[in-house]
Amino acid sequence: MRTFKILSIIIGVFLFTLNSCTSRKKILYLQNQKGDSTMVYADTASNYRLSQGDVLYVNVISMNKPLSEMFNRVQTNSTYANWNSESNIYINGYSVNDSGKISIPIIGDILVDNLTLNEAKVKIETEIKQYVSDASVIVKLLNFRYSVIGEVLRPGTYKNFDDNLTIFQALSEAGDVTIYGDKKAAKIIRQLENGQTQVIEFDLTQAQIINSNVYKIKPNDVIYIKPVRNKSFRQNLPNIALIFSSISTVILVLNYIGK
């Protein structure tokens, strides 16, 4: 009789532990892909548009180097030290002011608010070509930062120099989601152009995320990976298993002595 009770306890503990385990569907990325596994998804994410407070790198290149250098705040032969810190970026970069404009030497103010980087490049290049006919302009966003918090291996704030950074690339920089992260209920906290904040919940396990507005990361996005509901239990599972194992052993010994 006692042996039956002990066996029932062990089976109960096993079933409880099994129920607390995470299923395969909750940890795999990009599930429920329809059709051919090689299908191509349309890129529906809109390109980032410049707004007040953005800082741009603008570099003018021409065969007439002395003339083109007049438009550059930092000389093209400058060292990496000019861009390797936050303070240098704001000193040497072109800040978009409250009017949505940047001020280029000789040219003056150029309105770039609500333009994509490519549109801003074309506009700046058109203005400069009035003075340097063969000018080619490089425009980059210097203040593209995003944060990853919650259940990832390396939470923190990261700098990005890729205008097409995806949610999966951002998570890989943070060491990916841990075993305690809930991929089905991730969130992005995003600053909108009107000064408001939007919280978007999404499911990393669904292939449709590629067509969503969270697939491409935007400057100042905060990615939050929630912990699974049974995180505390799963963290203490080895201790719980050890306790039940010890109890089972004691019961077996007592049962043997009582015979």
C-alpha atoms as a PDB file:
ATOM      1  CA  MET A   1       0.000   0.000   0.000  1.00  0.00           C
ATOM      2  CA  ARG A   2       2.778   2.365   0.978  1.00  0.00           C
ATOM      3  CA  THR A   3       4.655   1.514  -2.205  1.00  0.00           C
ATOM      4  CA  PHE A   4       1.561   2.436  -4.221  1.00  0.00           C
ATOM      5  CA  LYS A   5       1.356   5.818  -2.454  1.00  0.00           C
ATOM      6  CA  ILE A   6       5.018   6.498  -3.122  1.00  0.00           C
ATOM      7  CA  LEU A   7       4.588   5.558  -6.766  1.00  0.00           C
ATOM      8  CA  SER A   8       1.554   7.861  -7.004  1.00  0.00           C
ATOM      9  CA  ILE A   9       3.567  10.771  -5.573  1.00  0.00           C
ATOM     10  CA  ILE A  10       6.414  10.218  -8.020  1.00  0.00           C
ATOM     11  CA  ILE A  11       4.025  10.013 -10.976  1.00  0.00           C
ATOM     12  CA  GLY A  12       2.248  13.175  -9.788  1.00  0.00           C
ATOM     13  CA  VAL A  13       5.544  15.073  -9.546  1.00  0.00           C
ATOM     14  CA  PHE A  14       6.548  13.846 -13.004  1.00  0.00           C
ATOM     15  CA  LEU A  15       3.252  14.971 -14.580  1.00  0.00           C
ATOM     16  CA  PHE A  16       3.441  18.367 -12.836  1.00  0.00           C
ATOM     17  CA  THR A  17       6.993  18.880 -14.066  1.00  0.00           C
ATOM     18  CA  LEU A  18       6.050  17.795 -17.582  1.00  0.00           C
ATOM     19  CA  ASN A  19       3.175  20.297 -17.620  1.00  0.00           C
ATOM     20  CA  SER A  20       5.539  23.126 -16.688  1.00  0.00           C
ATOM     21  CA  CYS A  21       7.824  22.488 -19.647  1.00  0.00           C
ATOM     22  CA  THR A  22       7.692  24.813 -22.639  1.00  0.00           C
ATOM     23  CA  SER A  23       6.273  23.296 -25.809  1.00  0.00           C
ATOM     24  CA  ARG A  24       8.214  23.353 -29.078  1.00  0.00           C
ATOM     25  CA  LYS A  25       5.664  25.734 -30.642  1.00  0.00           C
ATOM     26  CA  LYS A  26       6.492  28.410 -28.081  1.00  0.00           C
ATOM     27  CA  ILE A  27      10.221  28.572 -28.834  1.00  0.00           C
ATOM     28  CA  LEU A  28      10.509  28.289 -32.629  1.00  0.00           C
ATOM     29  CA  TYR A  29      10.726  31.432 -34.768  1.00  0.00           C
ATOM     30  CA  LEU A  30       8.729  32.044 -37.963  1.00  0.00           C
ATOM     31  CA  GLN A  31       6.136  29.267 -37.735  1.00  0.00           C
ATOM     32  CA  ASN A  32       2.924  28.863 -39.760  1.00  0.00           C
ATOM     33  CA  GLN A  33       4.646  29.775 -43.001  1.00  0.00           C
ATOM     34  CA  LYS A  34       2.142  29.297 -45.794  1.00  0.00           C
ATOM     35  CA  GLY A  35       3.079  27.666 -49.059  1.00  0.00           C
ATOM     36  CA  ASP A  36       6.623  27.064 -50.242  1.00  0.00           C
ATOM     37  CA  SER A  37       9.314  27.466 -47.596  1.00  0.00           C
ATOM     38  CA  THR A  38      11.239  29.613 -50.071  1.00  0.00           C
ATOM     39  CA  MET A  39       8.407  32.107 -50.575  1.00  0.00           C
ATOM     40  CA  VAL A  40       9.291  35.804 -50.782  1.00  0.00           C
ATOM     41  CA  TYR A  41       7.661  38.308 -48.448  1.00  0.00           C
ATOM     42  CA  ALA A  42       6.877  41.858 -49.508  1.00  0.00           C
ATOM     43  CA  ASP A  43       8.658  44.572 -47.526  1.00  0.00           C
ATOM     44  CA  THR A  44       5.735  46.588 -46.171  1.00  0.00           C
ATOM     45  CA  ALA A  45       7.719  48.418 -43.479  1.00  0.00           C
ATOM     46  CA  SER A  46       8.054  52.123 -44.215  1.00  0.00           C
ATOM     47  CA  ASN A  47      11.488  53.738 -44.328  1.00  0.00           C
ATOM     48  CA  TYR A  48      12.433  55.898 -41.377  1.00  0.00           C
ATOM     49  CA  ARG A  49      11.663  59.584 -41.825  1.00  0.00           C
ATOM     50  CA  LEU A  50      13.825  62.260 -40.276  1.00  0.00           C
ATOM     51  CA  SER A  51      12.482  64.404 -37.476  1.00  0.00           C
ATOM     52  CA  GLN A  52      13.576  67.018 -34.943  1.00  0.00           C
ATOM     53  CA  GLY A  53      16.568  65.971 -32.867  1.00  0.00           C
ATOM     54  CA  ASP A  54      18.074  63.582 -35.424  1.00  0.00           C
ATOM     55  CA  VAL A  55      21.788  63.942 -36.090  1.00  0.00           C
ATOM     56  CA  LEU A  56      23.143  63.409 -39.616  1.00  0.00           C
ATOM     57  CA  TYR A  57      26.547  62.674 -41.067  1.00  0.00           C
ATOM     58  CA  VAL A  58      26.860  64.659 -44.290  1.00  0.00           C
ATOM     59  CA  ASN A  59      29.972  64.324 -46.439  1.00  0.00           C
ATOM     60  CA  VAL A  60      30.518  65.976 -49.814  1.00  0.00           C
ATOM     61  CA  ILE A  61      32.899  64.303 -52.270  1.00  0.00           C
ATOM     62  CA  SER A  62      34.198  65.866 -55.486  1.00  0.00           C
ATOM     63  CA  MET A  63      37.189  65.793 -57.814  1.00  0.00           C
ATOM     64  CA  ASN A  64      37.695  69.393 -56.730  1.00  0.00           C
ATOM     65  CA  LYS A  65      38.650  68.498 -53.175  1.00  0.00           C
ATOM     66  CA  PRO A  66      39.385  72.031 -51.849  1.00  0.00           C
ATOM     67  CA  LEU A  67      35.947  73.163 -53.025  1.00  0.00           C
ATOM     68  CA  SER A  68      34.062  70.157 -51.689  1.00  0.00           C
ATOM     69  CA  GLU A  69      35.805  70.394 -48.309  1.00  0.00           C
ATOM     70  CA  MET A  70      34.191  73.805 -47.759  1.00  0.00           C
ATOM     71  CA  PHE A  71      30.875  72.023 -47.261  1.00  0.00           C
ATOM     72  CA  ASN A  72      32.190  69.435 -44.817  1.00  0.00           C
ATOM     73  CA  ARG A  73      32.112  70.166 -41.117  1.00  0.00           C
ATOM     74  CA  VAL A  74      34.771  67.487 -40.575  1.00  0.00           C
ATOM     75  CA  GLN A  75      37.500  66.961 -43.155  1.00  0.00           C
ATOM     76  CA  THR A  76      37.383  63.668 -45.064  1.00  0.00           C
ATOM     77  CA  ASN A  77      40.888  62.729 -43.855  1.00  0.00           C
ATOM     78  CA  SER A  78      39.843  63.135 -40.206  1.00  0.00           C
ATOM     79  CA  THR A  79      40.457  60.355 -37.726  1.00  0.00           C
ATOM     80  CA  TYR A  80      37.993  57.940 -36.195  1.00  0.00           C
ATOM     81  CA  ALA A  81      38.215  59.984 -32.985  1.00  0.00           C
ATOM     82  CA  ASN A  82      35.799  62.512 -34.488  1.00  0.00           C
ATOM     83  CA  TRP A  83      32.968  59.945 -34.404  1.00  0.00           C
ATOM     84  CA  ASN A  84      33.768  57.481 -31.615  1.00  0.00           C
ATOM     85  CA  SER A  85      31.790  59.145 -28.831  1.00  0.00           C
ATOM     86  CA  GLU A  86      28.321  60.569 -28.277  1.00  0.00           C
ATOM     87  CA  SER A  87      29.676  64.065 -27.654  1.00  0.00           C
ATOM     88  CA  ASN A  88      31.739  64.076 -30.876  1.00  0.00           C
ATOM     89  CA  ILE A  89      28.766  62.867 -32.873  1.00  0.00           C
ATOM     90  CA  TYR A  90      26.670  65.817 -31.721  1.00  0.00           C
ATOM     91  CA  ILE A  91      29.539  68.259 -32.244  1.00  0.00           C
ATOM     92  CA  ASN A  92      30.530  67.082 -35.708  1.00  0.00           C
ATOM     93  CA  GLY A  93      27.145  65.926 -36.999  1.00  0.00           C
ATOM     94  CA  TYR A  94      24.316  68.009 -38.428  1.00  0.00           C
ATOM     95  CA  SER A  95      21.414  68.252 -35.979  1.00  0.00           C
ATOM     96  CA  VAL A  96      17.870  68.633 -37.263  1.00  0.00           C
ATOM     97  CA  ASN A  97      16.574  71.715 -35.428  1.00  0.00           C
ATOM     98  CA  ASP A  98      13.081  72.499 -34.155  1.00  0.00           C
ATOM     99  CA  SER A  99      12.142  73.743 -37.629  1.00  0.00           C
ATOM    100  CA  GLY A 100      13.165  70.436 -39.209  1.00  0.00           C
ATOM    101  CA  LYS A 101      16.228  71.941 -40.888  1.00  0.00           C
ATOM    102  CA  ILE A 102      19.981  71.370 -40.950  1.00  0.00           C
ATOM    103  CA  SER A 103      22.461  74.157 -41.627  1.00  0.00           C
ATOM    104  CA  ILE A 104      25.103  73.395 -44.285  1.00  0.00           C
ATOM    105  CA  PRO A 105      28.106  75.744 -44.713  1.00  0.00           C
ATOM    106  CA  ILE A 106      27.664  78.140 -47.682  1.00  0.00           C
ATOM    107  CA  ILE A 107      24.276  76.564 -48.571  1.00  0.00           C
ATOM    108  CA  GLY A 108      22.482  77.577 -45.380  1.00  0.00           C
ATOM    109  CA  ASP A 109      19.333  75.887 -44.004  1.00  0.00           C
ATOM    110  CA  ILE A 110      17.868  72.854 -45.772  1.00  0.00           C
ATOM    111  CA  LEU A 111      14.501  71.398 -44.732  1.00  0.00           C
ATOM    112  CA  VAL A 112      14.850  67.639 -44.164  1.00  0.00           C
ATOM    113  CA  ASP A 113      11.960  67.018 -41.761  1.00  0.00           C
ATOM    114  CA  ASN A 114       9.833  63.981 -42.716  1.00  0.00           C
ATOM    115  CA  LEU A 115      12.265  62.963 -45.475  1.00  0.00           C
ATOM    116  CA  THR A 116      13.860  59.534 -45.778  1.00  0.00           C
ATOM    117  CA  LEU A 117      17.647  59.409 -45.769  1.00  0.00           C
ATOM    118  CA  ASN A 118      17.682  58.904 -49.528  1.00  0.00           C
ATOM    119  CA  GLU A 119      15.307  61.831 -50.089  1.00  0.00           C
ATOM    120  CA  ALA A 120      17.475  64.024 -47.841  1.00  0.00           C
ATOM    121  CA  LYS A 121      20.584  62.939 -49.768  1.00  0.00           C
ATOM    122  CA  VAL A 122      19.009  63.907 -53.094  1.00  0.00           C
ATOM    123  CA  LYS A 123      17.846  67.268 -51.754  1.00  0.00           C
ATOM    124  CA  ILE A 124      21.220  68.178 -50.219  1.00  0.00           C
ATOM    125  CA  GLU A 125      23.071  66.989 -53.317  1.00  0.00           C
ATOM    126  CA  THR A 126      20.848  69.126 -55.567  1.00  0.00           C
ATOM    127  CA  GLU A 127      21.616  72.233 -53.501  1.00  0.00           C
ATOM    128  CA  ILE A 128      25.368  71.612 -53.418  1.00  0.00           C
ATOM    129  CA  LYS A 129      25.587  70.899 -57.149  1.00  0.00           C
ATOM    130  CA  GLN A 130      24.762  74.561 -57.723  1.00  0.00           C
ATOM    131  CA  TYR A 131      28.304  75.215 -56.478  1.00  0.00           C
ATOM    132  CA  VAL A 132      30.105  71.920 -57.216  1.00  0.00           C
ATOM    133  CA  SER A 133      28.772  70.290 -60.383  1.00  0.00           C
ATOM    134  CA  ASP A 134      30.291  66.848 -59.805  1.00  0.00           C
ATOM    135  CA  ALA A 135      29.451  66.683 -56.102  1.00  0.00           C
ATOM    136  CA  SER A 136      28.376  63.377 -54.572  1.00  0.00           C
ATOM    137  CA  VAL A 137      26.836  63.440 -51.096  1.00  0.00           C
ATOM    138  CA  ILE A 138      26.813  60.746 -48.398  1.00  0.00           C
ATOM    139  CA  VAL A 139      24.102  61.044 -45.725  1.00  0.00           C
ATOM    140  CA  LYS A 140      23.891  58.749 -42.696  1.00  0.00           C
ATOM    141  CA  LEU A 141      21.865  58.791 -39.499  1.00  0.00           C
ATOM    142  CA  LEU A 142      24.203  59.022 -36.500  1.00  0.00           C
ATOM    143  CA  ASN A 143      21.774  58.764 -33.597  1.00  0.00           C
ATOM    144  CA  PHE A 144      20.182  55.397 -34.468  1.00  0.00           C
ATOM    145  CA  ARG A 145      20.014  53.672 -31.109  1.00  0.00           C
ATOM    146  CA  TYR A 146      17.644  51.015 -29.823  1.00  0.00           C
ATOM    147  CA  SER A 147      17.260  49.171 -26.541  1.00  0.00           C
ATOM    148  CA  VAL A 148      16.499  45.541 -25.735  1.00  0.00           C
ATOM    149  CA  ILE A 149      15.226  44.725 -22.247  1.00  0.00           C
ATOM    150  CA  GLY A 150      13.690  41.755 -20.506  1.00  0.00           C
ATOM    151  CA  GLU A 151      14.524  38.111 -21.150  1.00  0.00           C
ATOM    152  CA  VAL A 152      17.531  38.375 -23.472  1.00  0.00           C
ATOM    153  CA  LEU A 153      21.111  37.345 -22.816  1.00  0.00           C
ATOM    154  CA  ARG A 154      22.594  40.865 -23.000  1.00  0.00           C
ATOM    155  CA  PRO A 155      19.959  43.557 -22.322  1.00  0.00           C
ATOM    156  CA  GLY A 156      21.087  47.103 -23.043  1.00  0.00           C
ATOM    157  CA  THR A 157      21.171  49.989 -25.515  1.00  0.00           C
ATOM    158  CA  TYR A 158      22.836  49.391 -28.888  1.00  0.00           C
ATOM    159  CA  LYS A 159      24.067  51.665 -31.666  1.00  0.00           C
ATOM    160  CA  ASN A 160      23.090  50.806 -35.207  1.00  0.00           C
ATOM    161  CA  PHE A 161      24.535  51.875 -38.555  1.00  0.00           C
ATOM    162  CA  ASP A 162      22.195  49.846 -40.750  1.00  0.00           C
ATOM    163  CA  ASP A 163      19.105  51.641 -42.048  1.00  0.00           C
ATOM    164  CA  ASN A 164      17.332  48.285 -42.540  1.00  0.00           C
ATOM    165  CA  LEU A 165      17.884  46.650 -39.163  1.00  0.00           C
ATOM    166  CA  THR A 166      15.344  43.869 -38.523  1.00  0.00           C
ATOM    167  CA  ILE A 167      13.871  42.653 -35.237  1.00  0.00           C
ATOM    168  CA  PHE A 168      15.839  39.394 -35.493  1.00  0.00           C
ATOM    169  CA  GLN A 169      19.135  41.213 -36.074  1.00  0.00           C
ATOM    170  CA  ALA A 170      18.417  43.447 -33.086  1.00  0.00           C
ATOM    171  CA  LEU A 171      17.709  40.426 -30.879  1.00  0.00           C
ATOM    172  CA  SER A 172      20.843  38.652 -32.080  1.00  0.00           C
ATOM    173  CA  GLU A 173      22.917  41.668 -30.981  1.00  0.00           C
ATOM    174  CA  ALA A 174      21.408  41.211 -27.517  1.00  0.00           C
ATOM    175  CA  GLY A 175      22.310  37.518 -27.468  1.00  0.00           C
ATOM    176  CA  ASP A 176      18.830  36.246 -28.451  1.00  0.00           C
ATOM    177  CA  VAL A 177      15.846  35.435 -26.240  1.00  0.00           C
ATOM    178  CA  THR A 178      16.634  33.291 -23.208  1.00  0.00           C
ATOM    179  CA  ILE A 179      14.792  30.077 -22.322  1.00  0.00           C
ATOM    180  CA  TYR A 180      12.682  32.141 -19.930  1.00  0.00           C
ATOM    181  CA  GLY A 181      11.527  34.597 -22.618  1.00  0.00           C
ATOM    182  CA  ASP A 182       8.011  34.546 -24.051  1.00  0.00           C
ATOM    183  CA  LYS A 183       8.412  34.807 -27.841  1.00  0.00           C
ATOM    184  CA  LYS A 184       4.649  34.880 -28.320  1.00  0.00           C
ATOM    185  CA  ALA A 185       4.118  38.137 -26.391  1.00  0.00           C
ATOM    186  CA  ALA A 186       7.018  40.463 -27.201  1.00  0.00           C
ATOM    187  CA  LYS A 187       6.550  44.239 -27.296  1.00  0.00           C
ATOM    188  CA  ILE A 188       8.062  47.278 -28.967  1.00  0.00           C
ATOM    189  CA  ILE A 189       7.780  50.707 -27.361  1.00  0.00           C
ATOM    190  CA  ARG A 190       8.045  53.208 -30.223  1.00  0.00           C
ATOM    191  CA  GLN A 191       8.207  57.009 -30.292  1.00  0.00           C
ATOM    192  CA  LEU A 192       5.883  58.469 -32.925  1.00  0.00           C
ATOM    193  CA  GLU A 193       6.496  61.604 -34.965  1.00  0.00           C
ATOM    194  CA  ASN A 194       3.721  63.470 -33.153  1.00  0.00           C
ATOM    195  CA  GLY A 195       5.474  63.041 -29.809  1.00  0.00           C
ATOM    196  CA  GLN A 196       3.245  60.180 -28.667  1.00  0.00           C
ATOM    197  CA  THR A 197       4.397  56.716 -27.611  1.00  0.00           C
ATOM    198  CA  GLN A 198       3.035  53.504 -29.114  1.00  0.00           C
ATOM    199  CA  VAL A 199       3.247  50.044 -27.567  1.00  0.00           C
ATOM    200  CA  ILE A 200       3.009  47.242 -30.136  1.00  0.00           C
ATOM    201  CA  GLU A 201       2.658  43.601 -29.085  1.00  0.00           C
ATOM    202  CA  PHE A 202       3.805  40.944 -31.549  1.00  0.00           C
ATOM    203  CA  ASP A 203       4.504  37.236 -31.872  1.00  0.00           C
ATOM    204  CA  LEU A 204       8.040  36.206 -32.842  1.00  0.00           C
ATOM    205  CA  THR A 205       6.914  32.651 -33.586  1.00  0.00           C
ATOM    206  CA  GLN A 206       4.725  33.727 -36.518  1.00  0.00           C
ATOM    207  CA  ALA A 207       6.141  34.096 -40.040  1.00  0.00           C
ATOM    208  CA  GLN A 208       3.719  36.971 -40.711  1.00  0.00           C
ATOM    209  CA  ILE A 209       5.887  39.232 -38.568  1.00  0.00           C
ATOM    210  CA  ILE A 210       7.988  39.861 -41.693  1.00  0.00           C
ATOM    211  CA  ASN A 211       5.075  41.832 -43.153  1.00  0.00           C
ATOM    212  CA  SER A 212       4.374  43.784 -39.962  1.00  0.00           C
ATOM    213  CA  ASN A 213       5.374  47.263 -38.821  1.00  0.00           C
ATOM    214  CA  VAL A 214       7.722  45.865 -36.170  1.00  0.00           C
ATOM    215  CA  TYR A 215       9.955  43.885 -38.531  1.00  0.00           C
ATOM    216  CA  LYS A 216      12.169  46.902 -39.250  1.00  0.00           C
ATOM    217  CA  ILE A 217      13.553  48.573 -36.137  1.00  0.00           C
ATOM    218  CA  LYS A 218      13.350  52.363 -35.880  1.00  0.00           C
ATOM    219  CA  PRO A 219      15.563  54.763 -33.895  1.00  0.00           C
ATOM    220  CA  ASN A 220      14.832  54.813 -30.153  1.00  0.00           C
ATOM    221  CA  ASP A 221      12.728  51.632 -30.290  1.00  0.00           C
ATOM    222  CA  VAL A 222      12.641  49.662 -27.035  1.00  0.00           C
ATOM    223  CA  ILE A 223      12.185  45.921 -27.509  1.00  0.00           C
ATOM    224  CA  TYR A 224      10.743  44.161 -24.458  1.00  0.00           C
ATOM    225  CA  ILE A 225      10.754  40.372 -24.085  1.00  0.00           C
ATOM    226  CA  LYS A 226       8.376  39.297 -21.338  1.00  0.00           C
ATOM    227  CA  PRO A 227       9.238  36.360 -19.064  1.00  0.00           C
ATOM    228  CA  VAL A 228       7.132  33.221 -19.325  1.00  0.00           C
ATOM    229  CA  ARG A 229       4.502  32.808 -16.625  1.00  0.00           C
ATOM    230  CA  ASN A 230       6.203  29.842 -14.974  1.00  0.00           C
ATOM    231  CA  LYS A 231       9.690  31.396 -14.944  1.00  0.00           C
ATOM    232  CA  SER A 232      10.043  31.213 -11.147  1.00  0.00           C
ATOM    233  CA  PHE A 233       9.031  27.572 -11.076  1.00  0.00           C
ATOM    234  CA  ARG A 234      11.332  26.649 -13.949  1.00  0.00           C
ATOM    235  CA  GLN A 235      14.265  28.402 -12.285  1.00  0.00           C
ATOM    236  CA  ASN A 236      13.652  26.428  -9.097  1.00  0.00           C
ATOM    237  CA  LEU A 237      12.861  23.164 -10.872  1.00  0.00           C
ATOM    238  CA  PRO A 238      16.250  21.551 -10.071  1.00  0.00           C
ATOM    239  CA  ASN A 239      15.784  22.349  -6.368  1.00  0.00           C
ATOM    240  CA  ILE A 240      12.202  21.099  -6.406  1.00  0.00           C
ATOM    241  CA  ALA A 241      13.286  17.878  -8.108  1.00  0.00           C
ATOM    242  CA  LEU A 242      16.034  17.412  -5.515  1.00  0.00           C
ATOM    243  CA  ILE A 243      13.582  17.931  -2.654  1.00  0.00           C
ATOM    244  CA  PHE A 244      11.066  15.416  -4.034  1.00  0.00           C
ATOM    245  CA  SER A 245      13.865  12.963  -4.729  1.00  0.00           C
ATOM    246  CA  SER A 246      15.039  13.264  -1.145  1.00  0.00           C
ATOM    247  CA  ILE A 247      11.487  12.844   0.164  1.00  0.00           C
ATOM    248  CA  SER A 248      10.985   9.765  -2.010  1.00  0.00           C
ATOM    249  CA  THR A 249      14.227   8.266  -0.753  1.00  0.00           C
ATOM    250  CA  VAL A 250      13.282   8.890   2.889  1.00  0.00           C
ATOM    251  CA  ILE A 251       9.840   7.353   2.359  1.00  0.00           C
ATOM    252  CA  LEU A 252      11.367   4.288   0.707  1.00  0.00           C
ATOM    253  CA  VAL A 253      13.851   3.863   3.571  1.00  0.00           C
ATOM    254  CA  LEU A 254      11.110   4.249   6.196  1.00  0.00           C
ATOM    255  CA  ASN A 255       8.929   1.832   4.280  1.00  0.00           C
ATOM    256  CA  TYR A 256      11.747  -0.698   4.181  1.00  0.00           C
ATOM    257  CA  ILE A 257      12.491  -0.303   7.909  1.00  0.00           C
ATOM    258  CA  GLY A 258       8.815  -0.654   8.806  1.00  0.00           C
ATOM    259  CA  LYS A 259       8.550  -4.042   7.176  1.00  0.00           C
END
